[in-house]
Amino acid sequence: MKDISSMLTVNRENLAGVSVSSGFSFPIGELFSSLDKYVIFPGFCDVHVHFREPGFFYKESIKTGSQSAARGGYTAVCTMPNLNPVPDNLENIKIQTEIIEKDASINVYPYGSITVRQLGKELSDMESMKHLAIAFTDDGRGVQSDEMMEKAMLKAKSLGKIIVAHCEVNDLLRGGYIHDGEYAKAHNHRGICSESEYLQIARDIELVKKTGCAYHVCHISTKESVDVIRKAKAEGVNITCETGPHYLVLDDSDLQEDGRFKMNPPLRGKEDRLALIEGIKDGTIDMIATDHAPHSQEEKSKGLEKSAFGIVGLETAFAVCYTKLVKTGIITLEKLIDLLAINPRKRFNIPLGNDFSVWDLNEEFIVNPDEFLSKGRATPFTGERLYGVNLLTVVNGKVVYDNTKK
């Protein structure tokens, strides 16, 4: 397929366009015989992915992760810093950006860590990383010290950067690995209480009020988290948040004794899931992020208790949300595109450029992890019948995924 950069015109005044007629002008008929059958979306943007490189190439790489993202319609992602070495200074983050420049097929924006080695004891060299890091986070670990988080927020504010927080109070985890709900009690599993998440969000909100820092909360999962963030927004706090597709369509009643149902935070109760949906509807939750977190088959084959935390999601996110949320009438398609493509870019100042994907919304498929482009295979949606197949992804006018030649 030839380069099509000259064929695409993006109307940046209407980023939320979800069809050929609203925001995009592209002679799709040159590629597809039936224009009416397909829809063009602006490139999706995921602000929470793990591409595992450098340090954990056996789980994922910049190359395989970006290919997986392209298949899912994503043209921009932000990669988390739990790597080896941790990007806590200029030298370390450059190791990652050099790989990105060489191997990434989409736009990849790395995070810098908040603290040195993500240990929570000493601030990272944020100043040196300000031109390479999209924002700062210790994802995978909550910053336990109030004083340390306040220092981080003040430094990030001085640099014009966002603090992105994995909120978790370590003292409340107590060895838990799934939600502290009915399933845990019935099957004798150790639970993770909801307080471990929302209490740290509440703490951080008070620090944001004090420092004026721009603040974003990762993967919220509890009804109380939705409530405290909603209240903070009403008070004018500079806060945004994300949740994942799995938290919107699954809860702990869907759990199976399988590592592909283990993630952090865990699948919560039905009331939590319904509260997240309300948060999506009323704008409390700004965006959907996958928390794409691949592991090896061995790491995910040890059941709920002993498997590693994390699932993959880039290749199923749109279809899951479209099938479970849009086709059921819970949200509109335009709302979904806002959550997947528009709002993340606005918050993190990530340009759209000439990035888009072409979808057949009527085509069904059954989720088969063996067909994933990611190295990761663990997904709770294995065997699900979903609607929405991506046929083409274009980044900066270049085709990076082509599923048109069947």
Protein backbone atom coordinates (compact mmCIF):
# COMPACT_ATOMS: atom_id res chain seq x y z
CA MET A 1 0.00 0.00 0.00
CA LYS A 2 1.41 3.38 -0.95
CA ASP A 3 2.09 6.23 1.45
CA ILE A 4 -1.16 8.15 1.88
CA SER A 5 0.00 11.26 3.71
CA SER A 6 -1.02 13.45 0.78
CA MET A 7 -4.56 12.04 0.85
CA LEU A 8 -5.40 12.87 4.45
CA THR A 9 -6.63 16.18 5.79
CA VAL A 10 -7.27 16.54 9.52
CA ASN A 11 -9.56 19.27 10.80
CA ARG A 12 -7.98 20.06 14.16
CA GLU A 13 -10.95 22.21 15.14
CA ASN A 14 -13.07 19.05 15.25
CA LEU A 15 -10.95 16.34 16.81
CA ALA A 16 -14.03 14.49 18.01
CA GLY A 17 -15.18 13.61 14.49
CA VAL A 18 -16.03 9.95 14.21
CA SER A 19 -16.85 9.63 10.55
CA VAL A 20 -15.49 10.56 7.18
CA SER A 21 -17.82 13.56 7.08
CA SER A 22 -16.94 15.00 10.48
CA GLY A 23 -13.32 15.98 10.67
CA PHE A 24 -11.61 13.82 8.06
CA SER A 25 -11.28 14.02 4.31
CA PHE A 26 -9.75 10.89 2.89
CA PRO A 27 -10.40 9.08 -0.44
CA ILE A 28 -11.03 5.79 1.29
CA GLY A 29 -12.60 4.44 -1.90
CA GLU A 30 -9.08 3.94 -3.27
CA LEU A 31 -8.59 1.29 -0.60
CA PHE A 32 -12.08 -0.04 0.02
CA SER A 33 -14.85 -0.81 -2.40
CA SER A 34 -17.72 0.21 -0.10
CA LEU A 35 -17.35 3.57 1.61
CA ASP A 36 -20.58 3.23 3.60
CA LYS A 37 -19.37 0.11 5.40
CA TYR A 38 -16.43 1.67 7.21
CA VAL A 39 -15.71 4.46 9.68
CA ILE A 40 -12.58 6.52 10.26
CA PHE A 41 -11.52 7.39 13.81
CA PRO A 42 -8.79 9.74 15.01
CA GLY A 43 -5.82 7.77 16.31
CA PHE A 44 -6.45 6.44 19.80
CA CYS A 45 -4.14 7.56 22.61
CA ASP A 46 -3.36 5.40 25.66
CA VAL A 47 -1.62 7.18 28.52
CA HIS A 48 -0.94 3.97 30.47
CA VAL A 49 0.96 1.09 28.87
CA HIS A 50 3.89 -1.14 29.77
CA PHE A 51 6.24 -1.97 26.90
CA ARG A 52 8.80 -3.53 29.30
CA GLU A 53 11.91 -2.33 27.46
CA PRO A 54 14.63 -1.82 28.56
CA GLY A 55 14.98 -4.56 31.13
CA PHE A 56 12.18 -7.05 30.54
CA PHE A 57 12.33 -7.85 26.84
CA TYR A 58 10.95 -11.36 27.42
CA LYS A 59 7.60 -9.83 28.45
CA GLU A 60 7.28 -7.22 25.68
CA SER A 61 9.39 -4.82 23.61
CA ILE A 62 8.98 -1.38 22.14
CA LYS A 63 8.58 -3.07 18.76
CA THR A 64 5.96 -5.67 19.72
CA GLY A 65 4.13 -3.28 22.02
CA SER A 66 3.79 -0.61 19.36
CA GLN A 67 2.69 -3.20 16.79
CA SER A 68 0.04 -4.39 19.24
CA ALA A 69 -1.06 -0.80 19.78
CA ALA A 70 -1.28 -0.12 16.03
CA ARG A 71 -3.49 -3.17 15.59
CA GLY A 72 -5.80 -1.74 18.24
CA GLY A 73 -6.05 1.63 16.48
CA TYR A 74 -3.64 3.41 18.82
CA THR A 75 -1.24 5.90 17.30
CA ALA A 76 0.16 7.32 20.56
CA VAL A 77 0.94 5.72 23.92
CA CYS A 78 2.71 6.71 27.13
CA THR A 79 5.03 4.06 28.57
CA MET A 80 5.38 3.44 32.29
CA PRO A 81 8.78 3.62 34.03
CA ASN A 82 8.94 0.30 35.90
CA LEU A 83 11.91 -0.73 33.77
CA ASN A 84 15.56 -1.63 34.24
CA PRO A 85 17.13 0.84 34.46
CA VAL A 86 14.31 2.99 35.82
CA PRO A 87 14.13 6.27 33.85
CA ASP A 88 14.94 8.42 36.89
CA ASN A 89 17.61 10.56 35.21
CA LEU A 90 18.55 11.76 31.74
CA GLU A 91 20.99 8.94 31.02
CA ASN A 92 18.45 6.24 31.82
CA ILE A 93 15.51 7.74 29.96
CA LYS A 94 17.72 8.17 26.89
CA ILE A 95 18.21 4.40 26.80
CA GLN A 96 14.48 4.07 26.25
CA THR A 97 14.09 6.94 23.80
CA GLU A 98 16.87 5.54 21.61
CA ILE A 99 15.01 2.23 21.37
CA ILE A 100 11.77 4.09 20.64
CA GLU A 101 13.41 6.02 17.83
CA LYS A 102 14.69 2.80 16.31
CA ASP A 103 11.82 0.34 16.84
CA ALA A 104 8.50 2.11 17.50
CA SER A 105 5.92 2.06 14.72
CA ILE A 106 3.67 4.59 16.52
CA ASN A 107 4.31 7.65 18.69
CA VAL A 108 5.66 6.50 22.06
CA TYR A 109 6.05 8.98 24.93
CA PRO A 110 7.97 7.73 27.99
CA TYR A 111 7.25 8.70 31.57
CA GLY A 112 10.02 9.58 33.97
CA SER A 113 9.79 8.20 37.48
CA ILE A 114 8.83 10.35 40.45
CA THR A 115 11.46 8.86 42.73
CA VAL A 116 14.87 7.26 42.29
CA ARG A 117 14.40 3.61 41.29
CA GLN A 118 10.73 4.10 42.20
CA LEU A 119 11.63 3.44 45.84
CA GLY A 120 9.83 6.48 47.21
CA LYS A 121 12.82 7.79 49.17
CA GLU A 122 14.45 10.40 46.92
CA LEU A 123 13.14 12.53 44.07
CA SER A 124 14.27 11.56 40.59
CA ASP A 125 16.20 14.05 38.47
CA MET A 126 13.04 15.51 36.97
CA GLU A 127 14.82 18.62 35.75
CA SER A 128 17.14 16.69 33.46
CA MET A 129 14.27 14.65 31.99
CA LYS A 130 11.79 17.46 31.39
CA HIS A 131 12.24 17.51 27.61
CA LEU A 132 11.95 13.73 27.18
CA ALA A 133 9.41 12.70 29.83
CA ILE A 134 5.72 13.19 29.01
CA ALA A 135 5.00 13.36 32.76
CA PHE A 136 6.18 11.75 36.00
CA THR A 137 4.86 8.64 37.76
CA ASP A 138 5.95 5.78 40.00
CA ASP A 139 3.26 3.54 38.49
CA GLY A 140 3.11 0.16 40.13
CA ARG A 141 3.80 1.76 43.49
CA GLY A 142 2.02 4.46 45.42
CA VAL A 143 4.23 7.22 46.83
CA GLN A 144 3.75 6.54 50.53
CA SER A 145 5.31 9.66 52.01
CA ASP A 146 3.13 12.76 52.07
CA GLU A 147 6.26 14.90 52.19
CA MET A 148 7.79 13.18 49.18
CA MET A 149 4.62 13.54 47.12
CA GLU A 150 4.36 17.22 48.00
CA LYS A 151 7.97 17.78 46.91
CA ALA A 152 7.28 15.91 43.67
CA MET A 153 4.20 17.99 42.95
CA LEU A 154 6.04 21.26 43.54
CA LYS A 155 8.89 20.20 41.27
CA ALA A 156 6.55 18.96 38.54
CA LYS A 157 4.60 22.22 38.70
CA SER A 158 7.79 24.24 38.25
CA LEU A 159 8.53 22.17 35.13
CA GLY A 160 5.02 22.40 33.73
CA LYS A 161 4.55 18.63 34.05
CA ILE A 162 1.75 16.40 35.34
CA ILE A 163 2.11 14.06 38.31
CA VAL A 164 0.50 10.73 37.40
CA ALA A 165 -0.30 8.62 40.44
CA HIS A 166 -0.75 4.93 41.11
CA CYS A 167 -2.70 5.30 44.35
CA GLU A 168 -2.20 2.54 46.87
CA VAL A 169 -1.64 2.60 50.63
CA ASN A 170 0.83 -0.21 51.25
CA ASP A 171 -0.15 -0.67 54.89
CA LEU A 172 -3.69 -1.57 53.81
CA LEU A 173 -2.75 -4.25 51.25
CA ARG A 174 -2.15 -7.04 53.78
CA GLY A 175 -1.00 -9.53 51.18
CA GLY A 176 -4.18 -9.23 49.12
CA TYR A 177 -4.32 -10.05 45.42
CA ILE A 178 -8.01 -9.80 44.41
CA HIS A 179 -10.85 -7.53 45.56
CA ASP A 180 -11.90 -7.94 49.16
CA GLY A 181 -15.41 -8.92 48.17
CA GLU A 182 -17.78 -11.85 47.89
CA TYR A 183 -15.58 -13.96 45.61
CA ALA A 184 -12.58 -13.62 47.91
CA LYS A 185 -14.64 -14.67 50.91
CA ALA A 186 -16.29 -17.59 49.12
CA HIS A 187 -13.01 -18.96 47.73
CA ASN A 188 -10.72 -18.21 50.67
CA HIS A 189 -8.58 -15.60 48.89
CA ARG A 190 -6.86 -12.64 50.52
CA GLY A 191 -8.54 -9.41 49.46
CA ILE A 192 -7.37 -5.90 48.60
CA CYS A 193 -9.64 -3.39 50.31
CA SER A 194 -11.07 -0.39 48.46
CA GLU A 195 -9.64 1.97 51.09
CA SER A 196 -6.12 1.22 49.87
CA GLU A 197 -6.97 3.10 46.67
CA TYR A 198 -9.32 5.92 47.53
CA LEU A 199 -7.62 7.06 50.73
CA GLN A 200 -4.42 7.84 48.86
CA ILE A 201 -6.38 9.65 46.14
CA ALA A 202 -7.99 11.76 48.87
CA ARG A 203 -4.56 12.52 50.36
CA ASP A 204 -3.18 13.54 46.98
CA ILE A 205 -6.15 15.81 46.30
CA GLU A 206 -5.33 17.77 49.44
CA LEU A 207 -1.71 18.06 48.28
CA VAL A 208 -2.87 19.25 44.85
CA LYS A 209 -4.95 21.94 46.53
CA LYS A 210 -1.84 22.98 48.46
CA THR A 211 0.67 22.90 45.59
CA GLY A 212 -1.43 23.70 42.51
CA CYS A 213 0.12 20.82 40.62
CA ALA A 214 -1.59 19.22 37.61
CA TYR A 215 -2.54 15.72 38.75
CA HIS A 216 -3.81 12.56 37.06
CA VAL A 217 -4.95 9.34 38.74
CA CYS A 218 -4.21 5.96 37.17
CA HIS A 219 -6.74 3.12 36.75
CA ILE A 220 -9.39 4.00 39.31
CA SER A 221 -11.53 1.02 40.30
CA THR A 222 -13.73 1.88 43.30
CA LYS A 223 -16.97 3.79 43.76
CA GLU A 224 -15.37 5.87 46.51
CA SER A 225 -12.58 6.94 44.12
CA VAL A 226 -15.22 8.21 41.70
CA ASP A 227 -16.92 10.14 44.51
CA VAL A 228 -13.79 11.87 45.83
CA ILE A 229 -12.63 12.82 42.33
CA ARG A 230 -16.08 14.12 41.40
CA LYS A 231 -16.08 16.30 44.51
CA ALA A 232 -12.56 17.55 43.81
CA LYS A 233 -13.49 18.53 40.26
CA ALA A 234 -16.52 20.42 41.55
CA GLU A 235 -14.13 22.36 43.79
CA GLY A 236 -11.94 23.29 40.84
CA VAL A 237 -9.01 20.98 41.60
CA ASN A 238 -6.68 20.37 38.62
CA ILE A 239 -7.34 16.63 38.48
CA THR A 240 -8.09 14.06 35.80
CA CYS A 241 -8.35 10.31 35.95
CA GLU A 242 -8.60 7.14 33.91
CA THR A 243 -10.12 3.71 34.22
CA GLY A 244 -9.67 0.54 32.16
CA PRO A 245 -12.06 -1.33 29.87
CA HIS A 246 -12.03 -4.34 32.21
CA TYR A 247 -13.20 -2.29 35.20
CA LEU A 248 -16.16 -1.00 33.19
CA VAL A 249 -17.46 -4.34 31.93
CA LEU A 250 -16.31 -6.93 34.52
CA ASP A 251 -16.53 -7.27 38.29
CA ASP A 252 -15.50 -9.83 40.88
CA SER A 253 -18.51 -12.01 40.07
CA ASP A 254 -16.75 -12.72 36.75
CA LEU A 255 -13.56 -14.00 38.38
CA GLN A 256 -12.14 -17.41 37.53
CA GLU A 257 -9.27 -19.29 39.12
CA ASP A 258 -6.94 -18.11 36.38
CA GLY A 259 -4.10 -15.59 36.26
CA ARG A 260 -5.69 -13.79 33.32
CA PHE A 261 -8.18 -12.32 35.82
CA LYS A 262 -5.46 -10.89 38.07
CA MET A 263 -4.58 -7.23 37.78
CA ASN A 264 -3.80 -4.32 40.08
CA PRO A 265 -6.10 -2.74 41.07
CA PRO A 266 -8.31 -5.81 41.01
CA LEU A 267 -11.75 -6.26 39.51
CA ARG A 268 -14.04 -4.79 42.16
CA GLY A 269 -17.70 -5.36 43.02
CA LYS A 270 -20.77 -4.69 40.89
CA GLU A 271 -21.50 -1.40 42.71
CA ASP A 272 -18.00 -0.21 41.87
CA ARG A 273 -18.41 -1.11 38.20
CA LEU A 274 -21.72 0.75 38.00
CA ALA A 275 -20.19 3.78 39.72
CA LEU A 276 -17.36 3.81 37.17
CA ILE A 277 -19.91 3.79 34.35
CA GLU A 278 -21.68 6.77 35.94
CA GLY A 279 -18.29 8.46 36.23
CA ILE A 280 -17.74 7.91 32.52
CA LYS A 281 -21.16 9.32 31.70
CA ASP A 282 -20.91 12.49 33.80
CA GLY A 283 -17.31 13.31 32.93
CA THR A 284 -15.75 12.50 36.29
CA ILE A 285 -13.62 9.91 34.50
CA ASP A 286 -11.80 11.62 31.66
CA MET A 287 -10.35 8.76 29.65
CA ILE A 288 -10.03 5.03 29.18
CA ALA A 289 -6.52 3.55 29.38
CA THR A 290 -5.68 -0.11 29.02
CA ASP A 291 -2.85 -0.52 31.56
CA HIS A 292 -1.48 -2.97 28.95
CA ALA A 293 0.80 -5.07 31.17
CA PRO A 294 2.22 -8.16 29.43
CA HIS A 295 3.94 -11.00 31.26
CA SER A 296 5.31 -14.35 30.19
CA GLN A 297 3.03 -17.37 30.04
CA GLU A 298 4.82 -18.87 33.03
CA GLU A 299 4.26 -15.75 35.12
CA LYS A 300 0.53 -15.78 34.35
CA SER A 301 -0.08 -19.52 34.73
CA LYS A 302 -0.02 -19.74 38.52
CA GLY A 303 -3.62 -18.97 39.40
CA LEU A 304 -5.04 -15.93 41.17
CA GLU A 305 -2.77 -16.07 44.17
CA LYS A 306 0.64 -16.57 42.61
CA SER A 307 0.41 -15.16 39.08
CA ALA A 308 1.93 -11.77 38.30
CA PHE A 309 -0.41 -8.78 38.30
CA GLY A 310 -1.35 -7.51 34.84
CA ILE A 311 -3.26 -8.20 31.63
CA VAL A 312 -2.89 -7.07 28.02
CA GLY A 313 -5.49 -4.82 26.44
CA LEU A 314 -4.38 -2.78 23.45
CA GLU A 315 -5.74 -5.18 20.82
CA THR A 316 -9.17 -5.60 22.43
CA ALA A 317 -9.91 -2.24 24.11
CA PHE A 318 -11.99 -0.62 21.40
CA ALA A 319 -13.96 -3.76 20.56
CA VAL A 320 -14.68 -4.47 24.24
CA CYS A 321 -15.91 -0.94 24.86
CA TYR A 322 -17.83 -0.71 21.60
CA THR A 323 -19.55 -4.07 22.11
CA LYS A 324 -20.26 -3.78 25.84
CA LEU A 325 -20.86 -0.04 26.22
CA VAL A 326 -21.87 1.48 22.88
CA LYS A 327 -23.93 -1.29 21.28
CA THR A 328 -25.79 -1.74 24.57
CA GLY A 329 -26.67 1.96 24.66
CA ILE A 330 -24.71 2.81 27.81
CA ILE A 331 -22.64 5.52 26.07
CA THR A 332 -22.52 6.94 22.56
CA LEU A 333 -19.85 6.19 20.00
CA GLU A 334 -18.79 9.83 20.06
CA LYS A 335 -18.33 9.61 23.84
CA LEU A 336 -16.17 6.53 23.44
CA ILE A 337 -13.93 8.30 20.93
CA ASP A 338 -13.59 11.22 23.34
CA LEU A 339 -12.44 8.78 26.02
CA LEU A 340 -10.03 6.86 23.79
CA ALA A 341 -8.63 9.55 21.52
CA ILE A 342 -9.54 13.14 22.32
CA ASN A 343 -9.41 13.63 26.10
CA PRO A 344 -6.04 11.89 26.62
CA ARG A 345 -4.42 14.09 23.99
CA LYS A 346 -5.90 17.26 25.45
CA ARG A 347 -4.76 16.50 28.99
CA PHE A 348 -1.24 15.39 28.07
CA ASN A 349 -0.80 17.81 25.15
CA ILE A 350 -0.20 15.00 22.64
CA PRO A 351 -0.76 16.10 19.02
CA LEU A 352 -3.01 14.16 16.68
CA GLY A 353 -1.14 14.86 13.48
CA ASN A 354 -2.23 12.80 10.47
CA ASP A 355 -3.15 9.82 12.62
CA PHE A 356 -6.27 7.72 12.15
CA SER A 357 -7.64 4.20 11.89
CA VAL A 358 -10.31 2.61 9.68
CA TRP A 359 -12.82 0.20 11.22
CA ASP A 360 -15.54 -2.22 10.21
CA LEU A 361 -17.96 -1.93 13.12
CA ASN A 362 -20.19 -4.71 11.84
CA GLU A 363 -17.54 -7.41 11.69
CA GLU A 364 -17.48 -9.87 14.57
CA PHE A 365 -14.51 -11.80 15.92
CA ILE A 366 -13.73 -14.11 18.79
CA VAL A 367 -10.85 -13.04 21.04
CA ASN A 368 -7.96 -15.44 20.52
CA PRO A 369 -4.81 -14.43 22.39
CA ASP A 370 -2.69 -16.69 20.17
CA GLU A 371 -3.31 -14.17 17.40
CA PHE A 372 -2.10 -11.15 19.39
CA LEU A 373 0.87 -9.16 18.15
CA SER A 374 1.82 -8.48 21.76
CA LYS A 375 4.06 -11.00 23.49
CA GLY A 376 1.50 -11.04 26.29
CA ARG A 377 -1.44 -13.45 26.10
CA ALA A 378 -3.26 -12.91 29.39
CA THR A 379 -6.71 -11.37 28.86
CA PRO A 380 -9.99 -11.93 30.71
CA PHE A 381 -11.77 -11.64 27.34
CA THR A 382 -10.49 -14.88 25.81
CA GLY A 383 -13.29 -16.49 23.82
CA GLU A 384 -15.53 -13.39 23.89
CA ARG A 385 -17.43 -12.54 20.70
CA LEU A 386 -16.89 -8.84 19.99
CA TYR A 387 -17.76 -6.32 17.30
CA GLY A 388 -15.33 -3.94 15.62
CA VAL A 389 -12.32 -4.92 13.51
CA ASN A 390 -9.53 -2.49 12.69
CA LEU A 391 -8.54 -2.58 9.03
CA LEU A 392 -5.93 0.14 8.83
CA THR A 393 -3.87 2.36 11.13
CA VAL A 394 -2.00 5.39 9.83
CA VAL A 395 0.60 7.38 11.81
CA ASN A 396 1.96 10.65 10.43
CA GLY A 397 0.59 9.71 7.02
CA LYS A 398 2.28 6.27 7.01
CA VAL A 399 0.47 2.95 7.15
CA VAL A 400 1.65 1.08 10.27
CA TYR A 401 -1.02 -1.63 10.36
CA ASP A 402 -2.75 -3.07 7.31
CA ASN A 403 -5.51 -5.63 7.66
CA THR A 404 -7.11 -4.89 4.28
CA LYS A 405 -5.57 -7.73 2.30
CA LYS A 406 -7.58 -10.66 3.57
